[in-house]
PDB file of N, CA and C in Angstrom:
ATOM      1  N   MET A   1      59.668 -80.915 -48.478  1.00  0.00           N
ATOM      2  CA  MET A   1      58.866 -81.290 -49.618  1.00  0.00           C
ATOM      3  C   MET A   1      59.660 -82.277 -50.471  1.00  0.00           C
ATOM      4  N   SER A   2      58.970 -83.049 -51.223  1.00  0.00           N
ATOM      5  CA  SER A   2      59.644 -84.024 -52.074  1.00  0.00           C
ATOM      6  C   SER A   2      60.246 -83.335 -53.296  1.00  0.00           C
ATOM      7  N   GLU A   3      61.060 -84.082 -54.039  1.00  0.00           N
ATOM      8  CA  GLU A   3      61.691 -83.520 -55.233  1.00  0.00           C
ATOM      9  C   GLU A   3      60.652 -83.040 -56.230  1.00  0.00           C
ATOM     10  N   LYS A   4      59.549 -83.738 -56.302  1.00  0.00           N
ATOM     11  CA  LYS A   4      58.492 -83.412 -57.242  1.00  0.00           C
ATOM     12  C   LYS A   4      57.824 -82.079 -56.892  1.00  0.00           C
ATOM     13  N   GLU A   5      57.716 -81.784 -55.594  1.00  0.00           N
ATOM     14  CA  GLU A   5      57.013 -80.603 -55.120  1.00  0.00           C
ATOM     15  C   GLU A   5      57.984 -79.579 -54.537  1.00  0.00           C
ATOM     16  N   GLU A   6      58.943 -79.132 -55.333  1.00  0.00           N
ATOM     17  CA  GLU A   6      59.920 -78.156 -54.858  1.00  0.00           C
ATOM     18  C   GLU A   6      59.210 -76.882 -54.431  1.00  0.00           C
ATOM     19  N   GLY A   7      59.621 -76.344 -53.273  1.00  0.00           N
ATOM     20  CA  GLY A   7      59.039 -75.104 -52.799  1.00  0.00           C
ATOM     21  C   GLY A   7      59.717 -73.908 -53.444  1.00  0.00           C
ATOM     22  N   ILE A   8      59.035 -72.779 -53.442  1.00  0.00           N
ATOM     23  CA  ILE A   8      59.574 -71.532 -53.981  1.00  0.00           C
ATOM     24  C   ILE A   8      60.082 -70.733 -52.792  1.00  0.00           C
ATOM     25  N   GLU A   9      61.389 -70.441 -52.753  1.00  0.00           N
ATOM     26  CA  GLU A   9      61.960 -69.744 -51.610  1.00  0.00           C
ATOM     27  C   GLU A   9      62.047 -68.246 -51.888  1.00  0.00           C
ATOM     28  N   VAL A  10      61.470 -67.449 -50.973  1.00  0.00           N
ATOM     29  CA  VAL A  10      61.466 -65.992 -51.092  1.00  0.00           C
ATOM     30  C   VAL A  10      61.841 -65.394 -49.741  1.00  0.00           C
ATOM     31  N   GLU A  11      62.162 -64.096 -49.732  1.00  0.00           N
ATOM     32  CA  GLU A  11      62.484 -63.411 -48.494  1.00  0.00           C
ATOM     33  C   GLU A  11      61.437 -62.358 -48.204  1.00  0.00           C
ATOM     34  N   GLY A  12      61.251 -62.076 -46.914  1.00  0.00           N
ATOM     35  CA  GLY A  12      60.272 -61.078 -46.524  1.00  0.00           C
ATOM     36  C   GLY A  12      60.491 -60.623 -45.099  1.00  0.00           C
ATOM     37  N   THR A  13      59.561 -59.811 -44.611  1.00  0.00           N
ATOM     38  CA  THR A  13      59.618 -59.256 -43.264  1.00  0.00           C
ATOM     39  C   THR A  13      58.363 -59.659 -42.510  1.00  0.00           C
ATOM     40  N   VAL A  14      58.538 -60.064 -41.256  1.00  0.00           N
ATOM     41  CA  VAL A  14      57.400 -60.443 -40.416  1.00  0.00           C
ATOM     42  C   VAL A  14      56.638 -59.178 -40.047  1.00  0.00           C
ATOM     43  N   GLU A  15      55.341 -59.151 -40.363  1.00  0.00           N
ATOM     44  CA  GLU A  15      54.509 -58.000 -40.027  1.00  0.00           C
ATOM     45  C   GLU A  15      53.827 -58.172 -38.676  1.00  0.00           C
ATOM     46  N   GLU A  16      53.269 -59.366 -38.445  1.00  0.00           N
ATOM     47  CA  GLU A  16      52.589 -59.603 -37.171  1.00  0.00           C
ATOM     48  C   GLU A  16      52.567 -61.086 -36.847  1.00  0.00           C
ATOM     49  N   ALA A  17      52.526 -61.364 -35.549  1.00  0.00           N
ATOM     50  CA  ALA A  17      52.407 -62.736 -35.068  1.00  0.00           C
ATOM     51  C   ALA A  17      50.933 -62.971 -34.760  1.00  0.00           C
ATOM     52  N   LEU A  18      50.382 -64.029 -35.312  1.00  0.00           N
ATOM     53  CA  LEU A  18      48.976 -64.366 -35.112  1.00  0.00           C
ATOM     54  C   LEU A  18      48.860 -65.539 -34.149  1.00  0.00           C
ATOM     55  N   ALA A  19      47.653 -65.858 -33.749  1.00  0.00           N
ATOM     56  CA  ALA A  19      47.409 -66.974 -32.840  1.00  0.00           C
ATOM     57  C   ALA A  19      47.749 -68.299 -33.514  1.00  0.00           C
ATOM     58  N   GLY A  20      48.132 -69.276 -32.728  1.00  0.00           N
ATOM     59  CA  GLY A  20      48.389 -70.619 -33.246  1.00  0.00           C
ATOM     60  C   GLY A  20      49.737 -70.780 -33.931  1.00  0.00           C
ATOM     61  N   GLY A  21      50.684 -69.881 -33.665  1.00  0.00           N
ATOM     62  CA  GLY A  21      52.002 -70.008 -34.259  1.00  0.00           C
ATOM     63  C   GLY A  21      52.088 -69.595 -35.715  1.00  0.00           C
ATOM     64  N   MET A  22      51.118 -68.806 -36.174  1.00  0.00           N
ATOM     65  CA  MET A  22      51.121 -68.331 -37.558  1.00  0.00           C
ATOM     66  C   MET A  22      51.648 -66.897 -37.591  1.00  0.00           C
ATOM     67  N   TYR A  23      52.201 -66.526 -38.740  1.00  0.00           N
ATOM     68  CA  TYR A  23      52.772 -65.191 -38.921  1.00  0.00           C
ATOM     69  C   TYR A  23      52.323 -64.625 -40.255  1.00  0.00           C
ATOM     70  N   ARG A  24      52.117 -63.296 -40.306  1.00  0.00           N
ATOM     71  CA  ARG A  24      51.820 -62.629 -41.569  1.00  0.00           C
ATOM     72  C   ARG A  24      53.138 -62.033 -42.045  1.00  0.00           C
ATOM     73  N   ILE A  25      53.549 -62.425 -43.260  1.00  0.00           N
ATOM     74  CA  ILE A  25      54.833 -62.026 -43.827  1.00  0.00           C
ATOM     75  C   ILE A  25      54.597 -61.143 -45.043  1.00  0.00           C
ATOM     76  N   ALA A  26      55.299 -60.003 -45.110  1.00  0.00           N
ATOM     77  CA  ALA A  26      55.261 -59.131 -46.285  1.00  0.00           C
ATOM     78  C   ALA A  26      56.442 -59.536 -47.167  1.00  0.00           C
ATOM     79  N   ILE A  27      56.140 -60.163 -48.299  1.00  0.00           N
ATOM     80  CA  ILE A  27      57.171 -60.636 -49.221  1.00  0.00           C
ATOM     81  C   ILE A  27      57.727 -59.446 -50.007  1.00  0.00           C
ATOM     82  N   ASP A  28      59.055 -59.442 -50.226  1.00  0.00           N
ATOM     83  CA  ASP A  28      59.671 -58.406 -51.053  1.00  0.00           C
ATOM     84  C   ASP A  28      59.108 -58.506 -52.466  1.00  0.00           C
ATOM     85  N   LYS A  29      58.606 -57.407 -52.977  1.00  0.00           N
ATOM     86  CA  LYS A  29      58.048 -57.349 -54.339  1.00  0.00           C
ATOM     87  C   LYS A  29      56.954 -58.385 -54.553  1.00  0.00           C
ATOM     88  N   GLY A  30      56.071 -58.527 -53.578  1.00  0.00           N
ATOM     89  CA  GLY A  30      55.002 -59.502 -53.724  1.00  0.00           C
ATOM     90  C   GLY A  30      53.910 -59.288 -52.695  1.00  0.00           C
ATOM     91  N   PRO A  31      52.964 -60.219 -52.651  1.00  0.00           N
ATOM     92  CA  PRO A  31      51.832 -60.091 -51.720  1.00  0.00           C
ATOM     93  C   PRO A  31      52.215 -60.506 -50.299  1.00  0.00           C
ATOM     94  N   LYS A  32      51.274 -60.355 -49.401  1.00  0.00           N
ATOM     95  CA  LYS A  32      51.459 -60.826 -48.027  1.00  0.00           C
ATOM     96  C   LYS A  32      51.050 -62.286 -47.973  1.00  0.00           C
ATOM     97  N   VAL A  33      51.791 -63.082 -47.195  1.00  0.00           N
ATOM     98  CA  VAL A  33      51.486 -64.503 -47.077  1.00  0.00           C
ATOM     99  C   VAL A  33      51.331 -64.875 -45.608  1.00  0.00           C
ATOM    100  N   LEU A  34      50.672 -65.983 -45.380  1.00  0.00           N
ATOM    101  CA  LEU A  34      50.486 -66.540 -44.055  1.00  0.00           C
ATOM    102  C   LEU A  34      51.458 -67.702 -43.914  1.00  0.00           C
ATOM    103  N   ALA A  35      52.286 -67.692 -42.851  1.00  0.00           N
ATOM    104  CA  ALA A  35      53.314 -68.723 -42.732  1.00  0.00           C
ATOM    105  C   ALA A  35      53.429 -69.216 -41.296  1.00  0.00           C
ATOM    106  N   TYR A  36      54.004 -70.416 -41.156  1.00  0.00           N
ATOM    107  CA  TYR A  36      54.269 -70.987 -39.840  1.00  0.00           C
ATOM    108  C   TYR A  36      55.747 -71.331 -39.754  1.00  0.00           C
ATOM    109  N   ALA A  37      56.265 -71.498 -38.538  1.00  0.00           N
ATOM    110  CA  ALA A  37      57.674 -71.833 -38.334  1.00  0.00           C
ATOM    111  C   ALA A  37      57.889 -73.305 -38.646  1.00  0.00           C
ATOM    112  N   SER A  38      59.014 -73.619 -39.291  1.00  0.00           N
ATOM    113  CA  SER A  38      59.315 -75.007 -39.635  1.00  0.00           C
ATOM    114  C   SER A  38      59.603 -75.813 -38.366  1.00  0.00           C
ATOM    115  N   GLY A  39      59.646 -77.104 -38.502  1.00  0.00           N
ATOM    116  CA  GLY A  39      59.827 -78.007 -37.367  1.00  0.00           C
ATOM    117  C   GLY A  39      61.113 -77.778 -36.604  1.00  0.00           C
ATOM    118  N   LYS A  40      62.226 -77.553 -37.310  1.00  0.00           N
ATOM    119  CA  LYS A  40      63.514 -77.324 -36.634  1.00  0.00           C
ATOM    120  C   LYS A  40      63.485 -76.021 -35.850  1.00  0.00           C
ATOM    121  N   MET A  41      62.775 -75.012 -36.365  1.00  0.00           N
ATOM    122  CA  MET A  41      62.704 -73.744 -35.651  1.00  0.00           C
ATOM    123  C   MET A  41      61.898 -73.896 -34.363  1.00  0.00           C
ATOM    124  N   LYS A  42      60.858 -74.725 -34.404  1.00  0.00           N
ATOM    125  CA  LYS A  42      60.091 -74.994 -33.185  1.00  0.00           C
ATOM    126  C   LYS A  42      60.912 -75.826 -32.210  1.00  0.00           C
ATOM    127  N   LYS A  43      61.625 -76.816 -32.721  1.00  0.00           N
ATOM    128  CA  LYS A  43      62.412 -77.719 -31.885  1.00  0.00           C
ATOM    129  C   LYS A  43      63.474 -76.964 -31.086  1.00  0.00           C
ATOM    130  N   PHE A  44      64.147 -76.005 -31.732  1.00  0.00           N
ATOM    131  CA  PHE A  44      65.219 -75.274 -31.077  1.00  0.00           C
ATOM    132  C   PHE A  44      64.755 -73.935 -30.508  1.00  0.00           C
ATOM    133  N   HIS A  45      63.431 -73.730 -30.415  1.00  0.00           N
ATOM    134  CA  HIS A  45      62.817 -72.549 -29.793  1.00  0.00           C
ATOM    135  C   HIS A  45      63.358 -71.244 -30.369  1.00  0.00           C
ATOM    136  N   ILE A  46      63.415 -71.147 -31.695  1.00  0.00           N
ATOM    137  CA  ILE A  46      63.851 -69.920 -32.360  1.00  0.00           C
ATOM    138  C   ILE A  46      62.680 -68.947 -32.331  1.00  0.00           C
ATOM    139  N   ARG A  47      62.905 -67.811 -31.734  1.00  0.00           N
ATOM    140  CA  ARG A  47      61.846 -66.832 -31.554  1.00  0.00           C
ATOM    141  C   ARG A  47      61.734 -65.941 -32.784  1.00  0.00           C
ATOM    142  N   ILE A  48      60.520 -65.713 -33.241  1.00  0.00           N
ATOM    143  CA  ILE A  48      60.267 -64.863 -34.397  1.00  0.00           C
ATOM    144  C   ILE A  48      59.381 -63.712 -33.928  1.00  0.00           C
ATOM    145  N   VAL A  49      59.853 -62.490 -34.136  1.00  0.00           N
ATOM    146  CA  VAL A  49      59.109 -61.312 -33.706  1.00  0.00           C
ATOM    147  C   VAL A  49      58.872 -60.398 -34.909  1.00  0.00           C
ATOM    148  N   PRO A  50      57.849 -59.548 -34.842  1.00  0.00           N
ATOM    149  CA  PRO A  50      57.593 -58.620 -35.956  1.00  0.00           C
ATOM    150  C   PRO A  50      58.826 -57.757 -36.238  1.00  0.00           C
ATOM    151  N   GLY A  51      59.131 -57.596 -37.514  1.00  0.00           N
ATOM    152  CA  GLY A  51      60.299 -56.832 -37.927  1.00  0.00           C
ATOM    153  C   GLY A  51      61.464 -57.707 -38.366  1.00  0.00           C
ATOM    154  N   ASP A  52      61.435 -58.995 -38.032  1.00  0.00           N
ATOM    155  CA  ASP A  52      62.509 -59.916 -38.431  1.00  0.00           C
ATOM    156  C   ASP A  52      62.482 -60.170 -39.931  1.00  0.00           C
ATOM    157  N   ARG A  53      63.665 -60.321 -40.534  1.00  0.00           N
ATOM    158  CA  ARG A  53      63.778 -60.746 -41.930  1.00  0.00           C
ATOM    159  C   ARG A  53      63.814 -62.264 -41.930  1.00  0.00           C
ATOM    160  N   VAL A  54      63.009 -62.892 -42.771  1.00  0.00           N
ATOM    161  CA  VAL A  54      62.916 -64.348 -42.805  1.00  0.00           C
ATOM    162  C   VAL A  54      62.923 -64.862 -44.245  1.00  0.00           C
ATOM    163  N   LYS A  55      63.301 -66.144 -44.387  1.00  0.00           N
ATOM    164  CA  LYS A  55      63.169 -66.838 -45.664  1.00  0.00           C
ATOM    165  C   LYS A  55      61.940 -67.717 -45.553  1.00  0.00           C
ATOM    166  N   VAL A  56      61.089 -67.662 -46.557  1.00  0.00           N
ATOM    167  CA  VAL A  56      59.833 -68.413 -46.556  1.00  0.00           C
ATOM    168  C   VAL A  56      59.808 -69.336 -47.763  1.00  0.00           C
ATOM    169  N   GLU A  57      59.418 -70.573 -47.528  1.00  0.00           N
ATOM    170  CA  GLU A  57      59.259 -71.540 -48.614  1.00  0.00           C
ATOM    171  C   GLU A  57      57.771 -71.638 -48.930  1.00  0.00           C
ATOM    172  N   LEU A  58      57.405 -71.222 -50.141  1.00  0.00           N
ATOM    173  CA  LEU A  58      56.000 -71.234 -50.557  1.00  0.00           C
ATOM    174  C   LEU A  58      55.686 -72.517 -51.302  1.00  0.00           C
ATOM    175  N   SER A  59      54.472 -72.984 -51.145  1.00  0.00           N
ATOM    176  CA  SER A  59      54.007 -74.144 -51.881  1.00  0.00           C
ATOM    177  C   SER A  59      53.728 -73.741 -53.325  1.00  0.00           C
ATOM    178  N   PRO A  60      54.092 -74.580 -54.300  1.00  0.00           N
ATOM    179  CA  PRO A  60      53.778 -74.234 -55.688  1.00  0.00           C
ATOM    180  C   PRO A  60      52.273 -74.284 -55.979  1.00  0.00           C
ATOM    181  N   TYR A  61      51.505 -74.892 -55.087  1.00  0.00           N
ATOM    182  CA  TYR A  61      50.066 -75.022 -55.289  1.00  0.00           C
ATOM    183  C   TYR A  61      49.283 -73.848 -54.723  1.00  0.00           C
ATOM    184  N   ASP A  62      49.773 -73.256 -53.609  1.00  0.00           N
ATOM    185  CA  ASP A  62      49.078 -72.149 -52.972  1.00  0.00           C
ATOM    186  C   ASP A  62      50.114 -71.105 -52.574  1.00  0.00           C
ATOM    187  N   LEU A  63      50.213 -70.020 -53.325  1.00  0.00           N
ATOM    188  CA  LEU A  63      51.243 -69.014 -53.091  1.00  0.00           C
ATOM    189  C   LEU A  63      50.895 -68.036 -51.973  1.00  0.00           C
ATOM    190  N   THR A  64      49.795 -68.273 -51.258  1.00  0.00           N
ATOM    191  CA  THR A  64      49.434 -67.402 -50.143  1.00  0.00           C
ATOM    192  C   THR A  64      49.806 -68.010 -48.796  1.00  0.00           C
ATOM    193  N   ARG A  65      50.344 -69.220 -48.798  1.00  0.00           N
ATOM    194  CA  ARG A  65      50.738 -69.887 -47.554  1.00  0.00           C
ATOM    195  C   ARG A  65      52.155 -70.417 -47.679  1.00  0.00           C
ATOM    196  N   GLY A  66      52.861 -70.471 -46.549  1.00  0.00           N
ATOM    197  CA  GLY A  66      54.239 -70.937 -46.607  1.00  0.00           C
ATOM    198  C   GLY A  66      54.761 -71.381 -45.252  1.00  0.00           C
ATOM    199  N   ARG A  67      56.067 -71.693 -45.256  1.00  0.00           N
ATOM    200  CA  ARG A  67      56.744 -72.177 -44.054  1.00  0.00           C
ATOM    201  C   ARG A  67      58.021 -71.355 -43.892  1.00  0.00           C
ATOM    202  N   ILE A  68      58.232 -70.812 -42.686  1.00  0.00           N
ATOM    203  CA  ILE A  68      59.427 -70.034 -42.413  1.00  0.00           C
ATOM    204  C   ILE A  68      60.581 -71.003 -42.169  1.00  0.00           C
ATOM    205  N   THR A  69      61.639 -70.888 -42.973  1.00  0.00           N
ATOM    206  CA  THR A  69      62.757 -71.826 -42.876  1.00  0.00           C
ATOM    207  C   THR A  69      64.003 -71.216 -42.260  1.00  0.00           C
ATOM    208  N   PHE A  70      64.113 -69.878 -42.239  1.00  0.00           N
ATOM    209  CA  PHE A  70      65.317 -69.239 -41.716  1.00  0.00           C
ATOM    210  C   PHE A  70      64.993 -67.832 -41.249  1.00  0.00           C
ATOM    211  N   ARG A  71      65.592 -67.433 -40.111  1.00  0.00           N
ATOM    212  CA  ARG A  71      65.421 -66.065 -39.591  1.00  0.00           C
ATOM    213  C   ARG A  71      66.780 -65.381 -39.627  1.00  0.00           C
ATOM    214  N   ASP A  72      66.867 -64.247 -40.345  1.00  0.00           N
ATOM    215  CA  ASP A  72      68.104 -63.459 -40.379  1.00  0.00           C
ATOM    216  C   ASP A  72      68.251 -62.689 -39.081  1.00  0.00           C
ATOM    217  N   LYS A  73      69.470 -62.333 -38.772  1.00  0.00           N
ATOM    218  CA  LYS A  73      69.700 -61.575 -37.546  1.00  0.00           C
ATOM    219  C   LYS A  73      69.570 -60.094 -37.795  1.00  0.00           C
TER     220      LYS A  73
END
């Protein structure tokens, strides 16, 4: 995102993998969001499975959608 549109970074747990590369994430102390894997994660074939801890970057315009930027081990 550009400097003007800084994303909000939060952590959560992957609840389920949906069709089309989308994931339902349960945010710590927050609602559930719909997220997709970032470009680098797709490029390097980083696998995301339910139960993984992830960092999600939320759009300041729509807090129900985001992009997964990091998967914890």
